[in-house]
Amino acid sequence: MNVLILARPRTAAVVVAAGCSLLVLRPLLLRDGAHPTFVLASLFLLLLVVGRGWPRAAGTSAAAGGTSTAIALAAGVAAFALGRLVGGGHAPGPLTLRVVALVSLAAVAEEAFFRRLVYDLLLPSGAAAAVLGSAALFAVVHVSVYGFWVLPIDVGAGLLLSWQRWATGSWAAPAVTHVLANLLVVI
């Protein structure tokens, strides 16, 4: 079964397009009285299961950049902390356990989807394609939620997270960084 899925690039393209479409359609999914926590948690759990469960091709976990996870994680956290300090801003609402859980789930699910699934699918075309492609898709899916003004910020965030994936060979460092980045937004 795993070999069958990997041998069908169209299947992978459909899965990625469906995941990206669901992320783009978030505002529509939350209309007409939909319960936001249930809808978003379901969406992110689906992305997490698909991203984490997708079969990996050989050679997709090696750390091409040779950077330790601790260094990549420190660089990522420092970049997002600096962005929060420079950008200022305020929390969009009260900080609750539900908010913390949801933004953490969103971060891990997006990293499983973009830095594990999408990155791995693009890797046969080269590391640059994997880094740039997964970062670009990550940035584009956020436009429908936050607007075009966020595109340069999310391109930068996507590039940093994709660099972490390349440098460490794992999606764990980008996932932890993304969770901390999301928490910085809500505190």
N, C-alpha and C. Protein backbone atom coordinates (compact mmCIF):
# COMPACT_ATOMS: atom_id res chain seq x y z
N MET A 1 0.82 -1.20 0.00
CA MET A 1 0.00 0.00 0.00
C MET A 1 0.86 1.26 0.00
N ASN A 2 1.87 1.34 0.88
CA ASN A 2 2.73 2.52 0.94
C ASN A 2 3.43 2.77 -0.38
N VAL A 3 3.92 1.72 -1.02
CA VAL A 3 4.62 1.86 -2.30
C VAL A 3 3.64 2.36 -3.35
N LEU A 4 2.40 1.87 -3.30
CA LEU A 4 1.40 2.31 -4.26
C LEU A 4 1.16 3.81 -4.15
N ILE A 5 1.02 4.32 -2.93
CA ILE A 5 0.77 5.74 -2.72
C ILE A 5 1.96 6.56 -3.20
N LEU A 6 3.17 6.13 -2.85
CA LEU A 6 4.35 6.88 -3.26
C LEU A 6 4.56 6.84 -4.76
N ALA A 7 4.09 5.79 -5.42
CA ALA A 7 4.27 5.67 -6.86
C ALA A 7 3.28 6.53 -7.62
N ARG A 8 2.33 7.12 -6.94
CA ARG A 8 1.31 7.93 -7.60
C ARG A 8 1.44 9.40 -7.21
N PRO A 9 2.20 10.14 -7.98
CA PRO A 9 2.35 11.56 -7.63
C PRO A 9 1.03 12.32 -7.68
N ARG A 10 0.10 11.86 -8.51
CA ARG A 10 -1.19 12.54 -8.57
C ARG A 10 -1.95 12.41 -7.25
N THR A 11 -1.84 11.26 -6.61
CA THR A 11 -2.49 11.07 -5.32
C THR A 11 -1.91 12.05 -4.30
N ALA A 12 -0.60 12.18 -4.29
CA ALA A 12 0.04 13.12 -3.38
C ALA A 12 -0.39 14.55 -3.68
N ALA A 13 -0.45 14.90 -4.96
CA ALA A 13 -0.86 16.25 -5.35
C ALA A 13 -2.29 16.54 -4.90
N VAL A 14 -3.17 15.56 -5.02
CA VAL A 14 -4.56 15.74 -4.59
C VAL A 14 -4.63 15.92 -3.08
N VAL A 15 -3.85 15.14 -2.34
CA VAL A 15 -3.85 15.25 -0.87
C VAL A 15 -3.34 16.63 -0.44
N VAL A 16 -2.26 17.09 -1.06
CA VAL A 16 -1.72 18.42 -0.72
C VAL A 16 -2.71 19.51 -1.11
N ALA A 17 -3.30 19.40 -2.30
CA ALA A 17 -4.28 20.41 -2.73
C ALA A 17 -5.48 20.42 -1.81
N ALA A 18 -5.94 19.26 -1.37
CA ALA A 18 -7.09 19.20 -0.46
C ALA A 18 -6.75 19.83 0.89
N GLY A 19 -5.57 19.51 1.42
CA GLY A 19 -5.16 20.10 2.70
C GLY A 19 -5.03 21.61 2.61
N CYS A 20 -4.39 22.08 1.55
CA CYS A 20 -4.25 23.53 1.37
C CYS A 20 -5.61 24.20 1.18
N SER A 21 -6.49 23.54 0.45
CA SER A 21 -7.83 24.10 0.23
C SER A 21 -8.60 24.23 1.54
N LEU A 22 -8.51 23.21 2.37
CA LEU A 22 -9.19 23.29 3.67
C LEU A 22 -8.64 24.44 4.51
N LEU A 23 -7.33 24.62 4.47
CA LEU A 23 -6.74 25.73 5.22
C LEU A 23 -7.18 27.09 4.66
N VAL A 24 -7.24 27.20 3.35
CA VAL A 24 -7.67 28.45 2.72
C VAL A 24 -9.15 28.71 3.04
N LEU A 25 -9.93 27.67 3.10
CA LEU A 25 -11.37 27.82 3.32
C LEU A 25 -11.77 27.98 4.79
N ARG A 26 -10.81 28.09 5.68
CA ARG A 26 -11.13 28.23 7.12
C ARG A 26 -12.19 29.30 7.40
N PRO A 27 -12.08 30.49 6.82
CA PRO A 27 -13.12 31.50 7.12
C PRO A 27 -14.52 31.04 6.71
N LEU A 28 -14.63 30.34 5.59
CA LEU A 28 -15.95 29.86 5.16
C LEU A 28 -16.45 28.72 6.05
N LEU A 29 -15.54 27.88 6.51
CA LEU A 29 -15.92 26.77 7.38
C LEU A 29 -16.46 27.26 8.73
N LEU A 30 -16.08 28.47 9.10
CA LEU A 30 -16.47 29.01 10.41
C LEU A 30 -17.71 29.90 10.33
N ARG A 31 -18.31 30.00 9.15
CA ARG A 31 -19.52 30.82 8.99
C ARG A 31 -20.76 30.07 9.44
N ASP A 32 -21.84 30.78 9.49
CA ASP A 32 -23.17 30.21 9.72
C ASP A 32 -23.28 29.43 11.03
N GLY A 33 -22.71 29.97 12.08
CA GLY A 33 -22.89 29.39 13.41
C GLY A 33 -22.06 28.16 13.71
N ALA A 34 -21.09 27.87 12.87
CA ALA A 34 -20.23 26.71 13.15
C ALA A 34 -19.46 26.94 14.45
N HIS A 35 -19.28 25.88 15.22
CA HIS A 35 -18.54 26.00 16.48
C HIS A 35 -17.05 26.06 16.16
N PRO A 36 -16.40 27.20 16.36
CA PRO A 36 -15.02 27.37 15.91
C PRO A 36 -14.04 26.36 16.50
N THR A 37 -14.15 26.07 17.77
CA THR A 37 -13.20 25.13 18.39
C THR A 37 -13.34 23.75 17.75
N PHE A 38 -14.56 23.28 17.57
CA PHE A 38 -14.77 21.96 16.98
C PHE A 38 -14.28 21.93 15.53
N VAL A 39 -14.65 22.93 14.76
CA VAL A 39 -14.27 22.96 13.33
C VAL A 39 -12.75 23.03 13.19
N LEU A 40 -12.12 23.94 13.91
CA LEU A 40 -10.67 24.09 13.78
C LEU A 40 -9.92 22.88 14.34
N ALA A 41 -10.35 22.37 15.47
CA ALA A 41 -9.69 21.18 16.03
C ALA A 41 -9.82 20.01 15.07
N SER A 42 -10.98 19.83 14.46
CA SER A 42 -11.17 18.74 13.50
C SER A 42 -10.27 18.92 12.28
N LEU A 43 -10.22 20.13 11.77
CA LEU A 43 -9.37 20.42 10.61
C LEU A 43 -7.91 20.13 10.93
N PHE A 44 -7.44 20.62 12.06
CA PHE A 44 -6.03 20.44 12.40
C PHE A 44 -5.70 18.99 12.76
N LEU A 45 -6.63 18.29 13.38
CA LEU A 45 -6.40 16.87 13.65
C LEU A 45 -6.30 16.09 12.34
N LEU A 46 -7.14 16.42 11.37
CA LEU A 46 -7.08 15.77 10.06
C LEU A 46 -5.73 16.02 9.40
N LEU A 47 -5.28 17.28 9.40
CA LEU A 47 -3.98 17.61 8.81
C LEU A 47 -2.84 16.90 9.54
N LEU A 48 -2.93 16.81 10.85
CA LEU A 48 -1.91 16.13 11.63
C LEU A 48 -1.85 14.65 11.27
N VAL A 49 -2.99 14.01 11.20
CA VAL A 49 -3.03 12.59 10.88
C VAL A 49 -2.50 12.34 9.47
N VAL A 50 -2.92 13.14 8.51
CA VAL A 50 -2.47 12.97 7.13
C VAL A 50 -0.98 13.28 7.02
N GLY A 51 -0.56 14.40 7.58
CA GLY A 51 0.85 14.79 7.49
C GLY A 51 1.78 13.82 8.18
N ARG A 52 1.38 13.35 9.33
CA ARG A 52 2.21 12.43 10.11
C ARG A 52 2.14 11.01 9.55
N GLY A 53 0.99 10.64 9.02
CA GLY A 53 0.79 9.27 8.58
C GLY A 53 1.23 8.98 7.15
N TRP A 54 1.51 10.02 6.39
CA TRP A 54 1.89 9.80 4.99
C TRP A 54 3.20 9.02 4.94
N PRO A 55 3.28 8.00 4.08
CA PRO A 55 4.51 7.21 3.99
C PRO A 55 5.69 8.06 3.51
N ARG A 56 6.83 7.81 4.11
CA ARG A 56 8.04 8.57 3.76
C ARG A 56 8.84 7.83 2.72
N ALA A 57 9.38 8.59 1.80
CA ALA A 57 10.30 8.02 0.82
C ALA A 57 11.67 7.88 1.47
N ALA A 58 12.47 6.99 0.94
CA ALA A 58 13.83 6.80 1.48
C ALA A 58 14.62 8.09 1.35
N GLY A 59 15.42 8.39 2.37
CA GLY A 59 16.33 9.54 2.32
C GLY A 59 15.69 10.87 2.65
N THR A 60 14.47 10.90 3.19
CA THR A 60 13.84 12.18 3.48
C THR A 60 14.10 12.69 4.89
N SER A 61 14.81 11.92 5.70
CA SER A 61 15.01 12.38 7.08
C SER A 61 16.45 12.79 7.39
N ALA A 62 17.34 12.66 6.45
CA ALA A 62 18.73 13.03 6.72
C ALA A 62 18.87 14.54 6.86
N ALA A 63 19.69 14.96 7.80
CA ALA A 63 19.92 16.39 8.02
C ALA A 63 20.93 16.89 7.01
N ALA A 64 20.43 17.50 5.95
CA ALA A 64 21.31 17.98 4.89
C ALA A 64 22.18 19.14 5.36
N GLY A 65 21.63 19.97 6.24
CA GLY A 65 22.37 21.13 6.70
C GLY A 65 23.36 20.84 7.79
N GLY A 66 23.22 19.72 8.46
CA GLY A 66 24.15 19.34 9.51
C GLY A 66 24.07 20.20 10.76
N THR A 67 23.01 20.96 10.92
CA THR A 67 22.85 21.81 12.10
C THR A 67 22.16 21.00 13.20
N SER A 68 22.64 21.17 14.42
CA SER A 68 22.01 20.45 15.52
C SER A 68 20.60 20.99 15.75
N THR A 69 19.75 20.14 16.29
CA THR A 69 18.39 20.54 16.58
C THR A 69 18.37 21.70 17.57
N ALA A 70 19.25 21.68 18.56
CA ALA A 70 19.28 22.74 19.57
C ALA A 70 19.61 24.09 18.94
N ILE A 71 20.58 24.11 18.03
CA ILE A 71 20.96 25.37 17.37
C ILE A 71 19.82 25.87 16.48
N ALA A 72 19.23 24.96 15.69
CA ALA A 72 18.13 25.35 14.81
C ALA A 72 16.94 25.85 15.61
N LEU A 73 16.65 25.17 16.71
CA LEU A 73 15.55 25.57 17.57
C LEU A 73 15.82 26.94 18.21
N ALA A 74 17.02 27.14 18.70
CA ALA A 74 17.39 28.44 19.30
C ALA A 74 17.28 29.56 18.28
N ALA A 75 17.75 29.32 17.07
CA ALA A 75 17.67 30.35 16.02
C ALA A 75 16.21 30.68 15.70
N GLY A 76 15.38 29.66 15.61
CA GLY A 76 13.97 29.89 15.29
C GLY A 76 13.24 30.63 16.38
N VAL A 77 13.43 30.19 17.61
CA VAL A 77 12.76 30.84 18.74
C VAL A 77 13.24 32.29 18.87
N ALA A 78 14.53 32.51 18.71
CA ALA A 78 15.07 33.88 18.80
C ALA A 78 14.47 34.77 17.72
N ALA A 79 14.34 34.25 16.51
CA ALA A 79 13.77 35.05 15.41
C ALA A 79 12.33 35.43 15.70
N PHE A 80 11.53 34.49 16.16
CA PHE A 80 10.12 34.81 16.45
C PHE A 80 9.99 35.71 17.68
N ALA A 81 10.83 35.52 18.69
CA ALA A 81 10.80 36.39 19.87
C ALA A 81 11.17 37.82 19.48
N LEU A 82 12.20 37.95 18.65
CA LEU A 82 12.60 39.28 18.17
C LEU A 82 11.48 39.92 17.36
N GLY A 83 10.84 39.13 16.52
CA GLY A 83 9.70 39.64 15.74
C GLY A 83 8.59 40.14 16.63
N ARG A 84 8.31 39.43 17.70
CA ARG A 84 7.26 39.85 18.63
C ARG A 84 7.65 41.14 19.35
N LEU A 85 8.92 41.24 19.74
CA LEU A 85 9.39 42.45 20.40
C LEU A 85 9.34 43.66 19.48
N VAL A 86 9.82 43.48 18.26
CA VAL A 86 9.86 44.59 17.30
C VAL A 86 8.47 44.94 16.82
N GLY A 87 7.66 43.92 16.54
CA GLY A 87 6.32 44.14 16.01
C GLY A 87 5.32 44.64 17.04
N GLY A 88 5.60 44.38 18.29
CA GLY A 88 4.68 44.80 19.34
C GLY A 88 3.36 44.07 19.22
N GLY A 89 2.30 44.81 19.32
CA GLY A 89 0.97 44.21 19.21
C GLY A 89 0.45 43.80 20.56
N HIS A 90 -0.72 43.22 20.52
CA HIS A 90 -1.37 42.77 21.75
C HIS A 90 -2.12 41.49 21.45
N ALA A 91 -2.43 40.76 22.48
CA ALA A 91 -3.15 39.49 22.33
C ALA A 91 -4.53 39.77 21.75
N PRO A 92 -4.97 38.93 20.80
CA PRO A 92 -6.27 39.16 20.16
C PRO A 92 -7.47 38.88 21.07
N GLY A 93 -7.25 38.22 22.18
CA GLY A 93 -8.34 37.90 23.10
C GLY A 93 -7.77 37.36 24.38
N PRO A 94 -8.64 36.95 25.29
CA PRO A 94 -8.16 36.41 26.56
C PRO A 94 -7.43 35.08 26.35
N LEU A 95 -6.40 34.90 27.14
CA LEU A 95 -5.62 33.67 27.08
C LEU A 95 -6.30 32.61 27.93
N THR A 96 -6.74 31.55 27.27
CA THR A 96 -7.40 30.45 27.97
C THR A 96 -6.70 29.15 27.58
N LEU A 97 -6.99 28.12 28.33
CA LEU A 97 -6.44 26.80 28.01
C LEU A 97 -6.89 26.35 26.62
N ARG A 98 -8.13 26.65 26.24
CA ARG A 98 -8.64 26.31 24.92
C ARG A 98 -7.83 26.99 23.82
N VAL A 99 -7.51 28.26 24.01
CA VAL A 99 -6.73 29.00 23.02
C VAL A 99 -5.32 28.42 22.92
N VAL A 100 -4.69 28.16 24.05
CA VAL A 100 -3.35 27.58 24.05
C VAL A 100 -3.35 26.22 23.35
N ALA A 101 -4.33 25.39 23.67
CA ALA A 101 -4.41 24.06 23.05
C ALA A 101 -4.64 24.17 21.55
N LEU A 102 -5.52 25.06 21.13
CA LEU A 102 -5.85 25.17 19.72
C LEU A 102 -4.70 25.73 18.89
N VAL A 103 -4.02 26.77 19.39
CA VAL A 103 -2.90 27.32 18.62
C VAL A 103 -1.71 26.35 18.61
N SER A 104 -1.58 25.56 19.66
CA SER A 104 -0.52 24.54 19.68
C SER A 104 -0.83 23.41 18.71
N LEU A 105 -2.07 22.95 18.71
CA LEU A 105 -2.49 21.92 17.76
C LEU A 105 -2.33 22.42 16.33
N ALA A 106 -2.72 23.66 16.08
CA ALA A 106 -2.60 24.23 14.74
C ALA A 106 -1.14 24.22 14.28
N ALA A 107 -0.24 24.62 15.16
CA ALA A 107 1.18 24.68 14.80
C ALA A 107 1.74 23.30 14.49
N VAL A 108 1.47 22.34 15.33
CA VAL A 108 1.99 20.98 15.11
C VAL A 108 1.38 20.38 13.85
N ALA A 109 0.08 20.57 13.65
CA ALA A 109 -0.58 20.04 12.46
C ALA A 109 -0.02 20.67 11.19
N GLU A 110 0.16 21.98 11.19
CA GLU A 110 0.71 22.65 10.00
C GLU A 110 2.13 22.18 9.73
N GLU A 111 2.91 21.96 10.76
CA GLU A 111 4.28 21.47 10.55
C GLU A 111 4.29 20.04 10.02
N ALA A 112 3.40 19.19 10.55
CA ALA A 112 3.32 17.82 10.02
C ALA A 112 2.93 17.87 8.55
N PHE A 113 2.04 18.76 8.21
CA PHE A 113 1.57 18.86 6.82
C PHE A 113 2.63 19.49 5.91
N PHE A 114 3.14 20.67 6.30
CA PHE A 114 4.05 21.40 5.41
C PHE A 114 5.50 20.93 5.50
N ARG A 115 6.01 20.69 6.71
CA ARG A 115 7.43 20.34 6.85
C ARG A 115 7.66 18.84 6.85
N ARG A 116 6.64 18.02 6.95
CA ARG A 116 6.85 16.58 6.79
C ARG A 116 6.30 16.13 5.44
N LEU A 117 5.02 16.29 5.20
CA LEU A 117 4.41 15.80 3.97
C LEU A 117 4.86 16.59 2.75
N VAL A 118 4.56 17.89 2.71
CA VAL A 118 4.88 18.69 1.52
C VAL A 118 6.38 18.73 1.28
N TYR A 119 7.16 19.00 2.30
CA TYR A 119 8.61 19.06 2.17
C TYR A 119 9.15 17.75 1.60
N ASP A 120 8.72 16.62 2.18
CA ASP A 120 9.20 15.32 1.72
C ASP A 120 8.80 15.04 0.28
N LEU A 121 7.60 15.46 -0.10
CA LEU A 121 7.15 15.24 -1.48
C LEU A 121 7.96 16.08 -2.47
N LEU A 122 8.40 17.25 -2.05
CA LEU A 122 9.18 18.13 -2.94
C LEU A 122 10.67 17.81 -2.93
N LEU A 123 11.14 17.11 -1.92
CA LEU A 123 12.57 16.85 -1.76
C LEU A 123 13.23 16.15 -2.95
N PRO A 124 12.56 15.24 -3.65
CA PRO A 124 13.21 14.65 -4.83
C PRO A 124 13.60 15.67 -5.90
N SER A 125 12.97 16.84 -5.88
CA SER A 125 13.33 17.91 -6.82
C SER A 125 14.48 18.77 -6.30
N GLY A 126 14.98 18.46 -5.11
CA GLY A 126 16.09 19.18 -4.51
C GLY A 126 15.68 19.89 -3.24
N ALA A 127 16.67 20.15 -2.40
CA ALA A 127 16.41 20.80 -1.12
C ALA A 127 15.84 22.20 -1.29
N ALA A 128 16.33 22.92 -2.29
CA ALA A 128 15.82 24.28 -2.51
C ALA A 128 14.33 24.25 -2.85
N ALA A 129 13.93 23.32 -3.70
CA ALA A 129 12.51 23.19 -4.06
C ALA A 129 11.68 22.84 -2.83
N ALA A 130 12.20 21.96 -1.99
CA ALA A 130 11.47 21.55 -0.78
C ALA A 130 11.32 22.73 0.19
N VAL A 131 12.40 23.47 0.40
CA VAL A 131 12.37 24.61 1.32
C VAL A 131 11.45 25.70 0.77
N LEU A 132 11.68 26.10 -0.48
CA LEU A 132 10.91 27.20 -1.06
C LEU A 132 9.44 26.82 -1.28
N GLY A 133 9.20 25.61 -1.77
CA GLY A 133 7.83 25.19 -2.05
C GLY A 133 6.99 25.06 -0.80
N SER A 134 7.53 24.41 0.23
CA SER A 134 6.76 24.25 1.46
C SER A 134 6.55 25.60 2.15
N ALA A 135 7.53 26.49 2.07
CA ALA A 135 7.38 27.83 2.65
C ALA A 135 6.33 28.65 1.90
N ALA A 136 6.34 28.56 0.58
CA ALA A 136 5.38 29.33 -0.23
C ALA A 136 3.95 28.87 0.03
N LEU A 137 3.73 27.56 0.03
CA LEU A 137 2.38 27.05 0.30
C LEU A 137 1.92 27.45 1.70
N PHE A 138 2.81 27.35 2.67
CA PHE A 138 2.50 27.75 4.04
C PHE A 138 2.04 29.21 4.08
N ALA A 139 2.75 30.08 3.39
CA ALA A 139 2.41 31.50 3.40
C ALA A 139 1.08 31.77 2.71
N VAL A 140 0.86 31.14 1.59
CA VAL A 140 -0.35 31.40 0.79
C VAL A 140 -1.62 30.98 1.53
N VAL A 141 -1.58 29.86 2.25
CA VAL A 141 -2.81 29.40 2.92
C VAL A 141 -3.23 30.31 4.06
N HIS A 142 -2.35 31.17 4.52
CA HIS A 142 -2.70 32.07 5.62
C HIS A 142 -3.33 33.38 5.14
N VAL A 143 -3.28 33.65 3.84
CA VAL A 143 -3.82 34.91 3.31
C VAL A 143 -5.32 35.02 3.55
N SER A 144 -6.06 33.93 3.36
CA SER A 144 -7.52 34.00 3.51
C SER A 144 -7.94 34.31 4.95
N VAL A 145 -7.09 33.98 5.90
CA VAL A 145 -7.42 34.21 7.31
C VAL A 145 -6.97 35.61 7.75
N TYR A 146 -5.76 36.01 7.34
CA TYR A 146 -5.17 37.25 7.87
C TYR A 146 -5.07 38.38 6.86
N GLY A 147 -5.20 38.10 5.58
CA GLY A 147 -5.10 39.11 4.54
C GLY A 147 -3.72 39.11 3.89
N PHE A 148 -3.62 39.85 2.80
CA PHE A 148 -2.37 39.88 2.03
C PHE A 148 -1.22 40.56 2.77
N TRP A 149 -1.54 41.40 3.73
CA TRP A 149 -0.48 42.10 4.45
C TRP A 149 0.44 41.13 5.18
N VAL A 150 -0.07 39.93 5.53
CA VAL A 150 0.71 38.97 6.29
C VAL A 150 1.61 38.11 5.39
N LEU A 151 1.42 38.20 4.08
CA LEU A 151 2.18 37.35 3.17
C LEU A 151 3.70 37.44 3.36
N PRO A 152 4.30 38.64 3.41
CA PRO A 152 5.76 38.68 3.61
C PRO A 152 6.19 38.09 4.96
N ILE A 153 5.39 38.28 5.99
CA ILE A 153 5.72 37.73 7.30
C ILE A 153 5.67 36.21 7.26
N ASP A 154 4.61 35.68 6.65
CA ASP A 154 4.47 34.23 6.59
C ASP A 154 5.45 33.59 5.61
N VAL A 155 5.88 34.31 4.58
CA VAL A 155 6.95 33.79 3.72
C VAL A 155 8.23 33.66 4.55
N GLY A 156 8.55 34.70 5.32
CA GLY A 156 9.73 34.64 6.19
C GLY A 156 9.62 33.53 7.22
N ALA A 157 8.45 33.41 7.85
CA ALA A 157 8.25 32.34 8.84
C ALA A 157 8.37 30.97 8.17
N GLY A 158 7.76 30.82 7.01
CA GLY A 158 7.83 29.55 6.30
C GLY A 158 9.25 29.20 5.90
N LEU A 159 10.01 30.19 5.46
CA LEU A 159 11.41 29.94 5.10
C LEU A 159 12.22 29.52 6.32
N LEU A 160 12.00 30.17 7.43
CA LEU A 160 12.72 29.81 8.66
C LEU A 160 12.36 28.38 9.09
N LEU A 161 11.08 28.07 9.10
CA LEU A 161 10.65 26.74 9.52
C LEU A 161 11.13 25.66 8.54
N SER A 162 11.11 25.98 7.25
CA SER A 162 11.61 25.03 6.25
C SER A 162 13.12 24.87 6.34
N TRP A 163 13.82 25.97 6.66
CA TRP A 163 15.27 25.85 6.88
C TRP A 163 15.54 24.92 8.05
N GLN A 164 14.76 25.07 9.13
CA GLN A 164 14.94 24.18 10.28
C GLN A 164 14.75 22.72 9.87
N ARG A 165 13.77 22.47 9.04
CA ARG A 165 13.51 21.10 8.57
C ARG A 165 14.71 20.58 7.78
N TRP A 166 15.23 21.42 6.89
CA TRP A 166 16.40 21.05 6.07
C TRP A 166 17.63 20.85 6.96
N ALA A 167 17.84 21.78 7.88
CA ALA A 167 19.05 21.76 8.70
C ALA A 167 19.10 20.58 9.67
N THR A 168 17.94 20.18 10.19
CA THR A 168 17.92 19.12 11.19
C THR A 168 17.50 17.76 10.64
N GLY A 169 16.85 17.75 9.50
CA GLY A 169 16.35 16.50 8.93
C GLY A 169 15.06 16.02 9.57
N SER A 170 14.44 16.85 10.38
CA SER A 170 13.23 16.45 11.10
C SER A 170 12.24 17.61 11.12
N TRP A 171 10.98 17.28 11.27
CA TRP A 171 9.99 18.34 11.40
C TRP A 171 9.74 18.71 12.87
N ALA A 172 10.49 18.10 13.78
CA ALA A 172 10.31 18.36 15.21
C ALA A 172 10.71 19.79 15.60
N ALA A 173 11.87 20.26 15.15
CA ALA A 173 12.30 21.62 15.50
C ALA A 173 11.35 22.68 14.94
N PRO A 174 10.92 22.57 13.68
CA PRO A 174 9.93 23.54 13.21
C PRO A 174 8.61 23.46 13.98
N ALA A 175 8.21 22.27 14.40
CA ALA A 175 6.96 22.14 15.16
C ALA A 175 7.06 22.86 16.50
N VAL A 176 8.14 22.65 17.21
CA VAL A 176 8.32 23.32 18.51
C VAL A 176 8.41 24.83 18.31
N THR A 177 9.17 25.26 17.31
CA THR A 177 9.30 26.69 17.03
C THR A 177 7.95 27.30 16.69
N HIS A 178 7.17 26.62 15.88
CA HIS A 178 5.87 27.12 15.46
C HIS A 178 4.91 27.22 16.65
N VAL A 179 4.93 26.23 17.53
CA VAL A 179 4.10 26.29 18.74
C VAL A 179 4.47 27.53 19.55
N LEU A 180 5.78 27.74 19.78
CA LEU A 180 6.21 28.91 20.56
C LEU A 180 5.85 30.21 19.86
N ALA A 181 5.98 30.24 18.51
CA ALA A 181 5.62 31.43 17.76
C ALA A 181 4.12 31.73 17.91
N ASN A 182 3.30 30.70 17.80
CA ASN A 182 1.85 30.91 17.98
C ASN A 182 1.51 31.38 19.39
N LEU A 183 2.20 30.82 20.38
CA LEU A 183 1.95 31.24 21.75
C LEU A 183 2.37 32.70 21.96
N LEU A 184 3.43 33.12 21.30
CA LEU A 184 3.86 34.53 21.42
C LEU A 184 2.78 35.48 20.87
N VAL A 185 2.01 35.02 19.90
CA VAL A 185 0.95 35.85 19.33
C VAL A 185 -0.21 36.02 20.29
N VAL A 186 -0.51 34.99 21.07
CA VAL A 186 -1.70 35.04 21.92
C VAL A 186 -1.42 35.51 23.35
N ILE A 187 -0.14 35.73 23.71
CA ILE A 187 0.14 36.21 25.07
C ILE A 187 0.39 37.71 25.07
